[in-house]
Protein backbone atom coordinates (compact mmCIF):
# COMPACT_ATOMS: atom_id res chain seq x y z
CA UNK A 1 0.07 0.12 0.30
CA UNK A 2 1.22 3.37 -1.08
CA UNK A 3 1.61 5.90 1.91
CA UNK A 4 3.42 9.20 2.47
CA UNK A 5 6.62 9.57 4.52
CA UNK A 6 4.74 11.05 7.34
CA UNK A 7 2.61 8.04 8.16
CA UNK A 8 5.77 5.77 7.78
CA UNK A 9 7.75 8.00 10.11
CA UNK A 10 4.99 7.65 12.81
CA UNK A 11 4.90 3.71 12.67
CA UNK A 12 8.13 3.76 13.02
CA UNK A 13 8.77 6.18 15.73
CA UNK A 14 5.97 4.32 17.84
CA UNK A 15 8.07 1.22 17.10
CA UNK A 16 5.21 -1.26 18.50
CA UNK A 17 6.39 -4.78 19.39
CA UNK A 18 4.58 -7.87 18.60
CA UNK A 19 2.12 -8.48 21.08
CA UNK A 20 1.36 -4.96 22.74
CA UNK A 21 -1.81 -3.03 22.33
CA UNK A 22 -1.97 0.29 20.11
CA UNK A 23 -4.45 2.97 20.14
CA UNK A 24 -4.37 4.43 16.40
CA UNK A 25 -6.60 7.74 16.31
CA UNK A 26 -7.51 9.22 13.20
CA UNK A 27 -6.69 5.98 11.57
CA UNK A 28 -8.36 6.16 7.93
CA UNK A 29 -7.21 5.82 5.23
CA UNK A 30 -5.13 3.20 7.06
CA UNK A 31 -1.71 3.42 5.60
CA UNK A 32 -0.36 4.10 9.06
CA UNK A 33 -2.55 1.60 10.73
CA UNK A 34 -1.53 -1.29 8.32
CA UNK A 35 1.94 -0.43 8.62
CA UNK A 36 1.82 -0.99 12.46
CA UNK A 37 0.25 -4.15 12.13
CA UNK A 38 2.98 -5.20 9.85
CA UNK A 39 5.76 -4.02 12.27
CA UNK A 40 3.91 -6.41 14.86
CA UNK A 41 4.10 -9.06 12.85
CA UNK A 42 0.28 -10.08 13.39
CA UNK A 43 0.80 -10.67 16.86
CA UNK A 44 -1.41 -7.94 19.50
CA UNK A 45 -4.13 -5.53 18.95
CA UNK A 46 -4.51 -2.33 17.38
CA UNK A 47 -7.66 -0.16 18.23
CA UNK A 48 -8.29 2.17 15.26
CA UNK A 49 -10.61 5.31 15.71
CA UNK A 50 -12.09 7.00 12.87
CA UNK A 51 -14.62 9.49 13.58
CA UNK A 52 -16.54 9.72 9.90
CA UNK A 53 -18.38 6.71 9.18
CA UNK A 54 -17.48 6.28 5.44
CA UNK A 55 -13.48 6.98 6.14
CA UNK A 56 -14.08 4.01 9.01
CA UNK A 57 -15.79 1.59 6.32
CA UNK A 58 -12.66 2.33 4.00
CA UNK A 59 -10.40 1.70 6.58
CA UNK A 60 -12.30 -1.91 7.36
CA UNK A 61 -11.77 -2.45 3.60
CA UNK A 62 -8.06 -1.59 3.75
CA UNK A 63 -7.26 -3.47 6.65
CA UNK A 64 -9.32 -7.08 5.27
CA UNK A 65 -7.00 -6.11 2.09
CA UNK A 66 -4.08 -5.96 3.76
CA UNK A 67 -4.76 -8.59 6.00
CA UNK A 68 -4.03 -6.86 9.11
CA UNK A 69 -6.47 -9.24 11.42
CA UNK A 70 -5.20 -7.56 14.67
CA UNK A 71 -6.84 -4.08 13.76
CA UNK A 72 -10.30 -3.39 15.67
CA UNK A 73 -11.86 -0.40 14.00
CA UNK A 74 -14.06 2.08 16.14
CA UNK A 75 -16.22 4.21 14.81
CA UNK A 76 -15.99 7.04 17.17
CA UNK A 77 -14.75 11.08 17.91
CA UNK A 78 -11.63 10.84 19.65
CA UNK A 79 -11.97 14.15 21.31
CA UNK A 80 -14.96 12.58 22.89
CA UNK A 81 -13.53 9.89 24.46
CA UNK A 82 -12.19 6.92 22.29
CA UNK A 83 -13.16 3.17 23.54
CA UNK A 84 -9.91 1.79 25.40
CA UNK A 85 -9.85 -1.59 27.15
CA UNK A 86 -7.26 -2.74 29.25
CA UNK A 87 -3.84 -1.40 29.78
CA UNK A 88 -0.89 -0.89 28.02
CA UNK A 89 -1.69 1.01 25.26
CA UNK A 90 0.61 2.80 22.82
CA UNK A 91 -0.72 5.93 21.41
CA UNK A 92 -0.31 6.90 17.75
CA UNK A 93 -1.81 9.68 15.74
CA UNK A 94 -1.24 11.52 12.66
CA UNK A 95 -2.94 14.85 13.71
CA UNK A 96 -0.13 17.24 14.90
CA UNK A 97 -0.35 18.58 18.65
CA UNK A 98 -0.94 22.37 18.72
CA UNK A 99 2.38 24.38 17.75
CA UNK A 100 3.88 21.06 16.02
CA UNK A 101 1.96 21.91 12.72
CA UNK A 102 4.90 23.13 11.12
CA UNK A 103 7.18 20.19 11.67
CA UNK A 104 4.70 18.42 8.80
CA UNK A 105 6.27 20.83 6.43
CA UNK A 106 9.76 20.71 7.56
CA UNK A 107 11.98 18.85 5.15
CA UNK A 108 14.20 17.32 7.97
CA UNK A 109 10.48 15.52 9.11
CA UNK A 110 9.07 14.99 5.45
CA UNK A 111 12.12 12.97 4.71
CA UNK A 112 13.06 15.58 1.94
């Protein structure tokens, strides 16, 4: 699956180990989510949260196509409290934190 350098960077920085649980916010269209699943070698759990129903449906399709069977898609708004079960959650989001928006356009972070 084609993916941006930014989504590849997030997955590499999170560096999930097989067996871990990952909370992936703003998960659609699924490049970052499926990359995380591949890095986890199909062991563990990814809770992928996407608030838009159509994008969540596309995310389900992408995960099935990429055989990312450890992904569970939650159609909810992370800002309103995403569904999180258990503990040991590794957080992942492509939405920049306030004040960090310029990083996504900086050539150092973009891999240019």
